[in-house]
Amino acid sequence: NGAPVGKVASIEPLPDGGAALHLALDPGSVD
């Protein structure tokens, strides 16, 4: 909703051409 709650820690390419985005979210926002 426009409010930052974390960042992208790393990007992992997948064999099928897709991508796995590993996110690091703020503990206070996850709830």
PDB file of all heavy atoms in Angstrom:
ATOM      1  N   ASN A   1       0.828  -1.215   0.000  1.00  0.00           N
ATOM      2  CA  ASN A   1       0.000   0.000   0.000  1.00  0.00           C
ATOM      3  C   ASN A   1       0.860   1.262   0.000  1.00  0.00           C
ATOM      4  O   ASN A   1       0.494   2.292   0.583  1.00  0.00           O
ATOM      5  CB  ASN A   1      -0.954   0.015   1.194  1.00  0.00           C
ATOM      6  CG  ASN A   1      -1.960  -1.123   1.151  1.00  0.00           C
ATOM      7  OD1 ASN A   1      -2.363  -1.563   0.075  1.00  0.00           O
ATOM      8  ND2 ASN A   1      -2.356  -1.614   2.316  1.00  0.00           N
ATOM      9  N   GLY A   2       2.028   1.175  -0.671  1.00  0.00           N
ATOM     10  CA  GLY A   2       2.904   2.333  -0.778  1.00  0.00           C
ATOM     11  C   GLY A   2       3.856   2.536   0.381  1.00  0.00           C
ATOM     12  O   GLY A   2       4.746   3.387   0.310  1.00  0.00           O
ATOM     13  N   ALA A   3       3.722   1.773   1.461  1.00  0.00           N
ATOM     14  CA  ALA A   3       4.583   1.932   2.631  1.00  0.00           C
ATOM     15  C   ALA A   3       5.688   0.880   2.589  1.00  0.00           C
ATOM     16  O   ALA A   3       5.406  -0.309   2.372  1.00  0.00           O
ATOM     17  CB  ALA A   3       3.779   1.789   3.920  1.00  0.00           C
ATOM     18  N   PRO A   4       6.965   1.257   2.797  1.00  0.00           N
ATOM     19  CA  PRO A   4       8.055   0.270   2.776  1.00  0.00           C
ATOM     20  C   PRO A   4       7.987  -0.643   4.000  1.00  0.00           C
ATOM     21  O   PRO A   4       7.797  -0.191   5.133  1.00  0.00           O
ATOM     22  CB  PRO A   4       9.317   1.135   2.782  1.00  0.00           C
ATOM     23  CG  PRO A   4       8.892   2.440   3.372  1.00  0.00           C
ATOM     24  CD  PRO A   4       7.463   2.643   2.977  1.00  0.00           C
ATOM     25  N   VAL A   5       8.162  -1.948   3.736  1.00  0.00           N
ATOM     26  CA  VAL A   5       8.125  -2.934   4.820  1.00  0.00           C
ATOM     27  C   VAL A   5       9.334  -3.853   4.773  1.00  0.00           C
ATOM     28  O   VAL A   5       9.413  -4.810   5.551  1.00  0.00           O
ATOM     29  CB  VAL A   5       6.833  -3.787   4.747  1.00  0.00           C
ATOM     30  CG1 VAL A   5       5.614  -2.943   5.031  1.00  0.00           C
ATOM     31  CG2 VAL A   5       6.717  -4.475   3.381  1.00  0.00           C
ATOM     32  N   GLY A   6      10.313  -3.580   3.875  1.00  0.00           N
ATOM     33  CA  GLY A   6      11.495  -4.429   3.795  1.00  0.00           C
ATOM     34  C   GLY A   6      12.251  -4.152   2.517  1.00  0.00           C
ATOM     35  O   GLY A   6      12.076  -3.121   1.860  1.00  0.00           O
ATOM     36  N   LYS A   7      13.118  -5.106   2.154  1.00  0.00           N
ATOM     37  CA  LYS A   7      13.928  -4.962   0.950  1.00  0.00           C
ATOM     38  C   LYS A   7      14.167  -6.332   0.341  1.00  0.00           C
ATOM     39  O   LYS A   7      13.870  -7.372   0.944  1.00  0.00           O
ATOM     40  CB  LYS A   7      15.251  -4.293   1.304  1.00  0.00           C
ATOM     41  CG  LYS A   7      16.141  -5.153   2.202  1.00  0.00           C
ATOM     42  CD  LYS A   7      17.455  -4.482   2.486  1.00  0.00           C
ATOM     43  CE  LYS A   7      18.352  -5.371   3.355  1.00  0.00           C
ATOM     44  NZ  LYS A   7      19.671  -4.755   3.601  1.00  0.00           N
ATOM     45  N   VAL A   8      14.707  -6.318  -0.881  1.00  0.00           N
ATOM     46  CA  VAL A   8      15.080  -7.544  -1.568  1.00  0.00           C
ATOM     47  C   VAL A   8      16.501  -7.895  -1.146  1.00  0.00           C
ATOM     48  O   VAL A   8      17.464  -7.152  -1.440  1.00  0.00           O
ATOM     49  CB  VAL A   8      14.980  -7.377  -3.102  1.00  0.00           C
ATOM     50  CG1 VAL A   8      15.432  -8.654  -3.801  1.00  0.00           C
ATOM     51  CG2 VAL A   8      13.567  -7.020  -3.506  1.00  0.00           C
ATOM     52  N   ALA A   9      16.678  -9.020  -0.467  1.00  0.00           N
ATOM     53  CA  ALA A   9      18.005  -9.418   0.007  1.00  0.00           C
ATOM     54  C   ALA A   9      18.850  -9.963  -1.132  1.00  0.00           C
ATOM     55  O   ALA A   9      20.032  -9.613  -1.258  1.00  0.00           O
ATOM     56  CB  ALA A   9      17.880 -10.446   1.124  1.00  0.00           C
ATOM     57  N   SER A  10      18.263 -10.807  -1.977  1.00  0.00           N
ATOM     58  CA  SER A  10      19.018 -11.388  -3.091  1.00  0.00           C
ATOM     59  C   SER A  10      18.040 -11.884  -4.141  1.00  0.00           C
ATOM     60  O   SER A  10      16.850 -12.064  -3.873  1.00  0.00           O
ATOM     61  CB  SER A  10      19.909 -12.545  -2.609  1.00  0.00           C
ATOM     62  OG  SER A  10      19.113 -13.584  -2.050  1.00  0.00           O
ATOM     63  N   ILE A  11      18.569 -12.111  -5.354  1.00  0.00           N
ATOM     64  CA  ILE A  11      17.775 -12.602  -6.483  1.00  0.00           C
ATOM     65  C   ILE A  11      18.426 -13.873  -6.992  1.00  0.00           C
ATOM     66  O   ILE A  11      19.623 -13.881  -7.331  1.00  0.00           O
ATOM     67  CB  ILE A  11      17.684 -11.555  -7.608  1.00  0.00           C
ATOM     68  CG1 ILE A  11      17.064 -10.255  -7.068  1.00  0.00           C
ATOM     69  CG2 ILE A  11      16.873 -12.093  -8.773  1.00  0.00           C
ATOM     70  CD1 ILE A  11      17.068  -9.128  -8.086  1.00  0.00           C
ATOM     71  N   GLU A  12      17.675 -14.959  -7.049  1.00  0.00           N
ATOM     72  CA  GLU A  12      18.201 -16.252  -7.469  1.00  0.00           C
ATOM     73  C   GLU A  12      17.502 -16.689  -8.754  1.00  0.00           C
ATOM     74  O   GLU A  12      16.282 -16.857  -8.774  1.00  0.00           O
ATOM     75  CB  GLU A  12      17.975 -17.293  -6.362  1.00  0.00           C
ATOM     76  CG  GLU A  12      18.435 -18.688  -6.749  1.00  0.00           C
ATOM     77  CD  GLU A  12      18.073 -19.701  -5.679  1.00  0.00           C
ATOM     78  OE1 GLU A  12      17.498 -19.294  -4.638  1.00  0.00           O
ATOM     79  OE2 GLU A  12      18.325 -20.888  -5.903  1.00  0.00           O
ATOM     80  N   PRO A  13      18.246 -16.852  -9.848  1.00  0.00           N
ATOM     81  CA  PRO A  13      17.618 -17.341 -11.081  1.00  0.00           C
ATOM     82  C   PRO A  13      17.248 -18.815 -10.949  1.00  0.00           C
ATOM     83  O   PRO A  13      17.959 -19.595 -10.316  1.00  0.00           O
ATOM     84  CB  PRO A  13      18.705 -17.116 -12.143  1.00  0.00           C
ATOM     85  CG  PRO A  13      19.990 -17.109 -11.378  1.00  0.00           C
ATOM     86  CD  PRO A  13      19.681 -16.543 -10.025  1.00  0.00           C
ATOM     87  N   LEU A  14      16.121 -19.203 -11.555  1.00  0.00           N
ATOM     88  CA  LEU A  14      15.633 -20.571 -11.496  1.00  0.00           C
ATOM     89  C   LEU A  14      15.869 -21.262 -12.827  1.00  0.00           C
ATOM     90  O   LEU A  14      15.974 -20.615 -13.886  1.00  0.00           O
ATOM     91  CB  LEU A  14      14.135 -20.584 -11.151  1.00  0.00           C
ATOM     92  CG  LEU A  14      13.761 -19.973  -9.798  1.00  0.00           C
ATOM     93  CD1 LEU A  14      12.247 -20.010  -9.597  1.00  0.00           C
ATOM     94  CD2 LEU A  14      14.459 -20.693  -8.660  1.00  0.00           C
ATOM     95  N   PRO A  15      15.937 -22.591 -12.837  1.00  0.00           N
ATOM     96  CA  PRO A  15      16.199 -23.313 -14.099  1.00  0.00           C
ATOM     97  C   PRO A  15      15.125 -23.110 -15.156  1.00  0.00           C
ATOM     98  O   PRO A  15      15.414 -23.193 -16.348  1.00  0.00           O
ATOM     99  CB  PRO A  15      16.271 -24.788 -13.652  1.00  0.00           C
ATOM    100  CG  PRO A  15      16.622 -24.732 -12.196  1.00  0.00           C
ATOM    101  CD  PRO A  15      15.966 -23.493 -11.669  1.00  0.00           C
ATOM    102  N   ASP A  16      13.882 -22.872 -14.764  1.00  0.00           N
ATOM    103  CA  ASP A  16      12.807 -22.711 -15.745  1.00  0.00           C
ATOM    104  C   ASP A  16      12.724 -21.297 -16.313  1.00  0.00           C
ATOM    105  O   ASP A  16      11.756 -20.956 -17.006  1.00  0.00           O
ATOM    106  CB  ASP A  16      11.470 -23.097 -15.124  1.00  0.00           C
ATOM    107  CG  ASP A  16      11.144 -22.262 -13.887  1.00  0.00           C
ATOM    108  OD1 ASP A  16      12.014 -21.478 -13.462  1.00  0.00           O
ATOM    109  OD2 ASP A  16      10.029 -22.412 -13.346  1.00  0.00           O
ATOM    110  N   GLY A  17      13.677 -20.452 -16.014  1.00  0.00           N
ATOM    111  CA  GLY A  17      13.665 -19.089 -16.517  1.00  0.00           C
ATOM    112  C   GLY A  17      13.067 -18.091 -15.553  1.00  0.00           C
ATOM    113  O   GLY A  17      13.119 -16.881 -15.807  1.00  0.00           O
ATOM    114  N   GLY A  18      12.478 -18.548 -14.457  1.00  0.00           N
ATOM    115  CA  GLY A  18      11.922 -17.651 -13.471  1.00  0.00           C
ATOM    116  C   GLY A  18      12.975 -17.126 -12.519  1.00  0.00           C
ATOM    117  O   GLY A  18      14.190 -17.285 -12.726  1.00  0.00           O
ATOM    118  N   ALA A  19      12.504 -16.506 -11.458  1.00  0.00           N
ATOM    119  CA  ALA A  19      13.418 -15.928 -10.476  1.00  0.00           C
ATOM    120  C   ALA A  19      12.808 -16.056  -9.097  1.00  0.00           C
ATOM    121  O   ALA A  19      11.588 -15.953  -8.926  1.00  0.00           O
ATOM    122  CB  ALA A  19      13.710 -14.461 -10.798  1.00  0.00           C
ATOM    123  N   ALA A  20      13.682 -16.319  -8.126  1.00  0.00           N
ATOM    124  CA  ALA A  20      13.280 -16.376  -6.721  1.00  0.00           C
ATOM    125  C   ALA A  20      13.837 -15.155  -6.027  1.00  0.00           C
ATOM    126  O   ALA A  20      15.061 -14.980  -5.944  1.00  0.00           O
ATOM    127  CB  ALA A  20      13.766 -17.659  -6.068  1.00  0.00           C
ATOM    128  N   LEU A  21      12.967 -14.297  -5.541  1.00  0.00           N
ATOM    129  CA  LEU A  21      13.364 -13.072  -4.858  1.00  0.00           C
ATOM    130  C   LEU A  21      13.291 -13.324  -3.363  1.00  0.00           C
ATOM    131  O   LEU A  21      12.215 -13.592  -2.813  1.00  0.00           O
ATOM    132  CB  LEU A  21      12.453 -11.910  -5.240  1.00  0.00           C
ATOM    133  CG  LEU A  21      12.712 -11.212  -6.586  1.00  0.00           C
ATOM    134  CD1 LEU A  21      12.414 -12.143  -7.738  1.00  0.00           C
ATOM    135  CD2 LEU A  21      11.875  -9.954  -6.692  1.00  0.00           C
ATOM    136  N   HIS A  22      14.442 -13.285  -2.710  1.00  0.00           N
ATOM    137  CA  HIS A  22      14.515 -13.486  -1.261  1.00  0.00           C
ATOM    138  C   HIS A  22      14.361 -12.127  -0.585  1.00  0.00           C
ATOM    139  O   HIS A  22      15.212 -11.236  -0.750  1.00  0.00           O
ATOM    140  CB  HIS A  22      15.841 -14.147  -0.883  1.00  0.00           C
ATOM    141  CG  HIS A  22      16.041 -15.486  -1.536  1.00  0.00           C
ATOM    142  ND1 HIS A  22      15.380 -16.621  -1.127  1.00  0.00           N
ATOM    143  CD2 HIS A  22      16.825 -15.854  -2.588  1.00  0.00           C
ATOM    144  CE1 HIS A  22      15.747 -17.643  -1.884  1.00  0.00           C
ATOM    145  NE2 HIS A  22      16.629 -17.202  -2.789  1.00  0.00           N
ATOM    146  N   LEU A  23      13.262 -11.974   0.142  1.00  0.00           N
ATOM    147  CA  LEU A  23      12.943 -10.698   0.777  1.00  0.00           C
ATOM    148  C   LEU A  23      13.361 -10.732   2.230  1.00  0.00           C
ATOM    149  O   LEU A  23      13.352 -11.779   2.897  1.00  0.00           O
ATOM    150  CB  LEU A  23      11.439 -10.407   0.673  1.00  0.00           C
ATOM    151  CG  LEU A  23      10.798 -10.529  -0.706  1.00  0.00           C
ATOM    152  CD1 LEU A  23       9.326 -10.145  -0.625  1.00  0.00           C
ATOM    153  CD2 LEU A  23      11.534  -9.679  -1.732  1.00  0.00           C
ATOM    154  N   ALA A  24      13.708  -9.571   2.747  1.00  0.00           N
ATOM    155  CA  ALA A  24      14.014  -9.379   4.163  1.00  0.00           C
ATOM    156  C   ALA A  24      13.033  -8.336   4.685  1.00  0.00           C
ATOM    157  O   ALA A  24      13.181  -7.138   4.415  1.00  0.00           O
ATOM    158  CB  ALA A  24      15.464  -8.933   4.344  1.00  0.00           C
ATOM    159  N   LEU A  25      12.007  -8.795   5.406  1.00  0.00           N
ATOM    160  CA  LEU A  25      10.948  -7.918   5.879  1.00  0.00           C
ATOM    161  C   LEU A  25      11.203  -7.488   7.303  1.00  0.00           C
ATOM    162  O   LEU A  25      11.833  -8.207   8.099  1.00  0.00           O
ATOM    163  CB  LEU A  25       9.591  -8.634   5.775  1.00  0.00           C
ATOM    164  CG  LEU A  25       9.195  -9.140   4.392  1.00  0.00           C
ATOM    165  CD1 LEU A  25       7.817  -9.789   4.442  1.00  0.00           C
ATOM    166  CD2 LEU A  25       9.220  -8.015   3.363  1.00  0.00           C
ATOM    167  N   ASP A  26      10.697  -6.299   7.634  1.00  0.00           N
ATOM    168  CA  ASP A  26      10.823  -5.778   8.994  1.00  0.00           C
ATOM    169  C   ASP A  26       9.949  -6.603   9.937  1.00  0.00           C
ATOM    170  O   ASP A  26       8.770  -6.856   9.644  1.00  0.00           O
ATOM    171  CB  ASP A  26      10.403  -4.315   9.047  1.00  0.00           C
ATOM    172  CG  ASP A  26      11.297  -3.444   8.166  1.00  0.00           C
ATOM    173  OD1 ASP A  26      12.448  -3.842   7.923  1.00  0.00           O
ATOM    174  OD2 ASP A  26      10.805  -2.380   7.713  1.00  0.00           O
ATOM    175  N   PRO A  27      10.477  -7.020  11.083  1.00  0.00           N
ATOM    176  CA  PRO A  27       9.670  -7.818  12.014  1.00  0.00           C
ATOM    177  C   PRO A  27       8.433  -7.079  12.503  1.00  0.00           C
ATOM    178  O   PRO A  27       7.387  -7.687  12.729  1.00  0.00           O
ATOM    179  CB  PRO A  27      10.641  -8.116  13.162  1.00  0.00           C
ATOM    180  CG  PRO A  27      12.006  -7.936  12.574  1.00  0.00           C
ATOM    181  CD  PRO A  27      11.877  -6.862  11.542  1.00  0.00           C
ATOM    182  N   GLY A  28       8.512  -5.767  12.643  1.00  0.00           N
ATOM    183  CA  GLY A  28       7.355  -5.031  13.125  1.00  0.00           C
ATOM    184  C   GLY A  28       6.239  -4.918  12.101  1.00  0.00           C
ATOM    185  O   GLY A  28       5.084  -4.640  12.462  1.00  0.00           O
ATOM    186  N   SER A  29       6.564  -5.090  10.827  1.00  0.00           N
ATOM    187  CA  SER A  29       5.547  -4.974   9.776  1.00  0.00           C
ATOM    188  C   SER A  29       4.923  -6.310   9.417  1.00  0.00           C
ATOM    189  O   SER A  29       3.844  -6.352   8.813  1.00  0.00           O
ATOM    190  CB  SER A  29       6.163  -4.344   8.518  1.00  0.00           C
ATOM    191  OG  SER A  29       6.737  -3.088   8.795  1.00  0.00           O
ATOM    192  N   VAL A  30       5.585  -7.421   9.746  1.00  0.00           N
ATOM    193  CA  VAL A  30       5.082  -8.738   9.354  1.00  0.00           C
ATOM    194  C   VAL A  30       3.776  -9.065  10.055  1.00  0.00           C
ATOM    195  O   VAL A  30       2.901  -9.742   9.499  1.00  0.00           O
ATOM    196  CB  VAL A  30       6.159  -9.810   9.630  1.00  0.00           C
ATOM    197  CG1 VAL A  30       5.605 -11.207   9.383  1.00  0.00           C
ATOM    198  CG2 VAL A  30       7.374  -9.571   8.760  1.00  0.00           C
ATOM    199  N   ASP A  31       3.606  -8.574  11.263  1.00  0.00           N
ATOM    200  CA  ASP A  31       2.406  -8.924  12.034  1.00  0.00           C
ATOM    201  C   ASP A  31       1.129  -8.383  11.403  1.00  0.00           C
ATOM    202  O   ASP A  31       0.039  -8.909  11.658  1.00  0.00           O
ATOM    203  CB  ASP A  31       2.540  -8.394  13.469  1.00  0.00           C
ATOM    204  CG  ASP A  31       3.690  -9.067  14.210  1.00  0.00           C
ATOM    205  OD1 ASP A  31       4.063 -10.185  13.809  1.00  0.00           O
ATOM    206  OD2 ASP A  31       4.224  -8.455  15.161  1.00  0.00           O
TER     207      ASP A  31
END
